[in-house]
Amino acid sequence: MKINVLENTSKKLTFFLEDADHTFCNALKDELRNNDAVSVSSYNISHPLVGKPKFIVETTGSEKPKDALDKAIAGLKKKNLTFLKAFESLK
């Protein structure tokens, strides 16, 4: 998955996600919202067929948006591994 950064400041990160859909974007948005330092976590897809998700992450300043994004990705990885282990135990 490719990320095209549009804006990266100490409190705001705006980027496009290539080859992502609502499923992944909603999971990432929700995981970002679990972080108390994140004040805004949102995305928009301008056109349902050809649009690319545009993400906005804003923090309170106690943490950089990129660090919050790194934590959210790590959290999603952990949840996916937990699900995979539970699924494999069904075999």
N, C-alpha and C. Protein backbone atom coordinates (compact mmCIF):
# COMPACT_ATOMS: atom_id res chain seq x y z
N MET A 1 0.85 -1.17 0.00
CA MET A 1 0.00 0.00 0.00
C MET A 1 0.90 1.24 0.00
N LYS A 2 0.63 2.14 -0.89
CA LYS A 2 1.44 3.34 -1.03
C LYS A 2 0.75 4.52 -0.33
N ILE A 3 1.56 5.34 0.34
CA ILE A 3 1.06 6.54 1.01
C ILE A 3 1.68 7.76 0.35
N ASN A 4 0.83 8.68 -0.08
CA ASN A 4 1.30 9.95 -0.64
C ASN A 4 0.98 11.05 0.35
N VAL A 5 2.01 11.59 0.99
CA VAL A 5 1.83 12.61 2.02
C VAL A 5 1.61 13.97 1.36
N LEU A 6 0.56 14.65 1.79
CA LEU A 6 0.24 15.99 1.31
C LEU A 6 0.71 17.06 2.30
N GLU A 7 0.58 16.77 3.59
CA GLU A 7 0.95 17.72 4.63
C GLU A 7 1.44 16.96 5.85
N ASN A 8 2.56 17.39 6.40
CA ASN A 8 3.11 16.74 7.58
C ASN A 8 3.70 17.81 8.50
N THR A 9 2.92 18.19 9.51
CA THR A 9 3.38 19.17 10.49
C THR A 9 3.42 18.50 11.86
N SER A 10 3.74 19.26 12.88
CA SER A 10 3.84 18.70 14.23
C SER A 10 2.49 18.27 14.79
N LYS A 11 1.39 18.81 14.22
CA LYS A 11 0.06 18.47 14.74
C LYS A 11 -0.90 17.92 13.68
N LYS A 12 -0.49 17.91 12.41
CA LYS A 12 -1.42 17.48 11.36
C LYS A 12 -0.69 16.68 10.29
N LEU A 13 -1.33 15.58 9.89
CA LEU A 13 -0.82 14.74 8.81
C LEU A 13 -1.97 14.48 7.85
N THR A 14 -1.77 14.82 6.58
CA THR A 14 -2.77 14.58 5.54
C THR A 14 -2.10 13.75 4.46
N PHE A 15 -2.78 12.68 4.05
CA PHE A 15 -2.18 11.80 3.05
C PHE A 15 -3.25 11.04 2.27
N PHE A 16 -2.86 10.59 1.07
CA PHE A 16 -3.68 9.70 0.26
C PHE A 16 -3.19 8.28 0.46
N LEU A 17 -4.13 7.33 0.50
CA LEU A 17 -3.79 5.91 0.56
C LEU A 17 -4.12 5.28 -0.78
N GLU A 18 -3.13 4.72 -1.43
CA GLU A 18 -3.35 4.04 -2.70
C GLU A 18 -3.89 2.63 -2.42
N ASP A 19 -4.80 2.17 -3.24
CA ASP A 19 -5.32 0.80 -3.18
C ASP A 19 -5.94 0.43 -1.83
N ALA A 20 -6.60 1.38 -1.20
CA ALA A 20 -7.29 1.11 0.06
C ALA A 20 -8.79 1.33 -0.15
N ASP A 21 -9.59 0.63 0.64
CA ASP A 21 -11.04 0.78 0.54
C ASP A 21 -11.61 1.16 1.91
N HIS A 22 -12.93 1.24 1.98
CA HIS A 22 -13.58 1.65 3.23
C HIS A 22 -13.27 0.69 4.37
N THR A 23 -13.12 -0.59 4.08
CA THR A 23 -12.87 -1.56 5.14
C THR A 23 -11.60 -1.23 5.90
N PHE A 24 -10.51 -1.06 5.18
CA PHE A 24 -9.24 -0.74 5.83
C PHE A 24 -9.28 0.66 6.44
N CYS A 25 -9.83 1.61 5.70
CA CYS A 25 -9.85 3.00 6.19
C CYS A 25 -10.64 3.14 7.47
N ASN A 26 -11.78 2.46 7.58
CA ASN A 26 -12.56 2.53 8.81
C ASN A 26 -11.81 1.90 9.98
N ALA A 27 -11.12 0.79 9.72
CA ALA A 27 -10.36 0.14 10.78
C ALA A 27 -9.23 1.06 11.26
N LEU A 28 -8.53 1.68 10.32
CA LEU A 28 -7.44 2.59 10.68
C LEU A 28 -7.97 3.82 11.42
N LYS A 29 -9.05 4.38 10.94
CA LYS A 29 -9.66 5.56 11.59
C LYS A 29 -10.05 5.23 13.03
N ASP A 30 -10.68 4.09 13.22
CA ASP A 30 -11.12 3.71 14.57
C ASP A 30 -9.93 3.43 15.49
N GLU A 31 -8.89 2.80 14.94
CA GLU A 31 -7.70 2.53 15.75
C GLU A 31 -7.01 3.83 16.15
N LEU A 32 -6.98 4.79 15.26
CA LEU A 32 -6.40 6.11 15.59
C LEU A 32 -7.20 6.79 16.70
N ARG A 33 -8.50 6.62 16.69
CA ARG A 33 -9.35 7.26 17.71
C ARG A 33 -9.15 6.67 19.09
N ASN A 34 -8.53 5.50 19.19
CA ASN A 34 -8.23 4.90 20.49
C ASN A 34 -7.10 5.63 21.20
N ASN A 35 -6.38 6.47 20.48
CA ASN A 35 -5.24 7.22 21.03
C ASN A 35 -5.74 8.56 21.56
N ASP A 36 -5.50 8.82 22.84
CA ASP A 36 -5.97 10.07 23.46
C ASP A 36 -5.32 11.32 22.86
N ALA A 37 -4.15 11.17 22.26
CA ALA A 37 -3.46 12.32 21.67
C ALA A 37 -4.05 12.72 20.32
N VAL A 38 -4.88 11.86 19.74
CA VAL A 38 -5.48 12.14 18.43
C VAL A 38 -6.79 12.90 18.63
N SER A 39 -6.86 14.09 18.06
CA SER A 39 -8.08 14.90 18.16
C SER A 39 -8.97 14.75 16.93
N VAL A 40 -8.37 14.47 15.77
CA VAL A 40 -9.13 14.27 14.53
C VAL A 40 -8.55 13.06 13.81
N SER A 41 -9.45 12.17 13.41
CA SER A 41 -9.08 11.02 12.59
C SER A 41 -10.23 10.80 11.62
N SER A 42 -10.00 11.15 10.37
CA SER A 42 -11.07 11.07 9.39
C SER A 42 -10.50 10.80 8.01
N TYR A 43 -11.37 10.33 7.13
CA TYR A 43 -10.97 10.16 5.74
C TYR A 43 -12.16 10.44 4.84
N ASN A 44 -11.85 10.66 3.57
CA ASN A 44 -12.88 10.92 2.57
C ASN A 44 -12.44 10.28 1.26
N ILE A 45 -13.40 9.69 0.57
CA ILE A 45 -13.16 9.18 -0.78
C ILE A 45 -14.04 10.01 -1.70
N SER A 46 -13.40 10.82 -2.54
CA SER A 46 -14.15 11.80 -3.34
C SER A 46 -15.07 11.17 -4.37
N HIS A 47 -14.72 10.02 -4.89
CA HIS A 47 -15.56 9.34 -5.88
C HIS A 47 -15.53 7.85 -5.57
N PRO A 48 -16.67 7.19 -5.49
CA PRO A 48 -16.71 5.79 -5.05
C PRO A 48 -16.01 4.81 -6.01
N LEU A 49 -15.85 5.16 -7.26
CA LEU A 49 -15.23 4.24 -8.21
C LEU A 49 -13.76 4.54 -8.48
N VAL A 50 -13.39 5.80 -8.51
CA VAL A 50 -12.01 6.14 -8.88
C VAL A 50 -11.28 6.96 -7.82
N GLY A 51 -11.97 7.33 -6.76
CA GLY A 51 -11.36 8.17 -5.73
C GLY A 51 -10.40 7.40 -4.84
N LYS A 52 -9.42 8.10 -4.34
CA LYS A 52 -8.45 7.54 -3.40
C LYS A 52 -8.77 8.10 -2.02
N PRO A 53 -8.68 7.27 -0.98
CA PRO A 53 -8.95 7.78 0.37
C PRO A 53 -7.95 8.86 0.77
N LYS A 54 -8.48 9.97 1.23
CA LYS A 54 -7.66 11.06 1.76
C LYS A 54 -7.86 11.11 3.26
N PHE A 55 -6.79 10.88 4.00
CA PHE A 55 -6.83 10.82 5.46
C PHE A 55 -6.35 12.12 6.06
N ILE A 56 -6.96 12.48 7.19
CA ILE A 56 -6.51 13.61 7.99
C ILE A 56 -6.36 13.10 9.43
N VAL A 57 -5.18 13.30 9.98
CA VAL A 57 -4.91 12.94 11.37
C VAL A 57 -4.36 14.19 12.06
N GLU A 58 -5.03 14.61 13.11
CA GLU A 58 -4.56 15.75 13.90
C GLU A 58 -4.39 15.30 15.34
N THR A 59 -3.35 15.83 15.97
CA THR A 59 -3.09 15.49 17.37
C THR A 59 -3.11 16.75 18.22
N THR A 60 -3.12 16.54 19.51
CA THR A 60 -3.16 17.66 20.46
C THR A 60 -1.80 18.31 20.62
N GLY A 61 -0.77 17.69 20.09
CA GLY A 61 0.57 18.23 20.21
C GLY A 61 1.45 17.43 21.15
N SER A 62 0.84 16.58 21.97
CA SER A 62 1.63 15.74 22.87
C SER A 62 2.28 14.58 22.13
N GLU A 63 1.84 14.35 20.92
CA GLU A 63 2.38 13.28 20.09
C GLU A 63 2.31 13.72 18.63
N LYS A 64 3.30 13.37 17.85
CA LYS A 64 3.27 13.70 16.43
C LYS A 64 2.28 12.79 15.71
N PRO A 65 1.61 13.30 14.69
CA PRO A 65 0.63 12.48 13.96
C PRO A 65 1.24 11.21 13.37
N LYS A 66 2.48 11.28 12.89
CA LYS A 66 3.12 10.09 12.33
C LYS A 66 3.31 9.02 13.40
N ASP A 67 3.66 9.44 14.62
CA ASP A 67 3.81 8.50 15.72
C ASP A 67 2.46 7.85 16.07
N ALA A 68 1.41 8.64 16.05
CA ALA A 68 0.07 8.10 16.30
C ALA A 68 -0.32 7.11 15.21
N LEU A 69 0.03 7.42 13.97
CA LEU A 69 -0.25 6.51 12.86
C LEU A 69 0.54 5.21 13.02
N ASP A 70 1.81 5.31 13.41
CA ASP A 70 2.62 4.11 13.66
C ASP A 70 1.99 3.23 14.74
N LYS A 71 1.51 3.85 15.82
CA LYS A 71 0.87 3.09 16.91
C LYS A 71 -0.42 2.42 16.42
N ALA A 72 -1.19 3.14 15.60
CA ALA A 72 -2.44 2.57 15.09
C ALA A 72 -2.16 1.37 14.19
N ILE A 73 -1.15 1.47 13.36
CA ILE A 73 -0.79 0.35 12.48
C ILE A 73 -0.34 -0.85 13.31
N ALA A 74 0.46 -0.60 14.34
CA ALA A 74 0.91 -1.68 15.22
C ALA A 74 -0.30 -2.33 15.92
N GLY A 75 -1.26 -1.52 16.33
CA GLY A 75 -2.47 -2.05 16.96
C GLY A 75 -3.28 -2.91 16.02
N LEU A 76 -3.39 -2.49 14.76
CA LEU A 76 -4.12 -3.29 13.77
C LEU A 76 -3.40 -4.60 13.49
N LYS A 77 -2.09 -4.57 13.43
CA LYS A 77 -1.32 -5.80 13.22
C LYS A 77 -1.57 -6.78 14.35
N LYS A 78 -1.56 -6.26 15.59
CA LYS A 78 -1.78 -7.13 16.75
C LYS A 78 -3.18 -7.76 16.71
N LYS A 79 -4.17 -6.95 16.37
CA LYS A 79 -5.54 -7.48 16.29
C LYS A 79 -5.66 -8.53 15.19
N ASN A 80 -4.99 -8.31 14.06
CA ASN A 80 -5.04 -9.28 12.97
C ASN A 80 -4.38 -10.59 13.37
N LEU A 81 -3.26 -10.52 14.09
CA LEU A 81 -2.59 -11.74 14.55
C LEU A 81 -3.46 -12.51 15.55
N THR A 82 -4.13 -11.77 16.42
CA THR A 82 -5.03 -12.40 17.39
C THR A 82 -6.16 -13.12 16.66
N PHE A 83 -6.73 -12.47 15.65
CA PHE A 83 -7.80 -13.09 14.87
C PHE A 83 -7.28 -14.31 14.13
N LEU A 84 -6.10 -14.21 13.53
CA LEU A 84 -5.53 -15.32 12.78
C LEU A 84 -5.31 -16.53 13.68
N LYS A 85 -4.78 -16.30 14.88
CA LYS A 85 -4.56 -17.40 15.82
C LYS A 85 -5.89 -18.06 16.22
N ALA A 86 -6.91 -17.25 16.46
CA ALA A 86 -8.22 -17.79 16.82
C ALA A 86 -8.80 -18.59 15.66
N PHE A 87 -8.63 -18.09 14.45
CA PHE A 87 -9.13 -18.79 13.26
C PHE A 87 -8.40 -20.11 13.05
N GLU A 88 -7.08 -20.09 13.21
CA GLU A 88 -6.30 -21.32 13.02
C GLU A 88 -6.63 -22.36 14.06
N SER A 89 -7.05 -21.97 15.26
CA SER A 89 -7.40 -22.92 16.29
C SER A 89 -8.69 -23.67 15.97
N LEU A 90 -9.46 -23.17 15.01
CA LEU A 90 -10.69 -23.83 14.61
C LEU A 90 -10.44 -25.03 13.70
N LYS A 91 -9.26 -25.10 13.11
CA LYS A 91 -8.95 -26.19 12.17
C LYS A 91 -8.83 -27.52 12.85
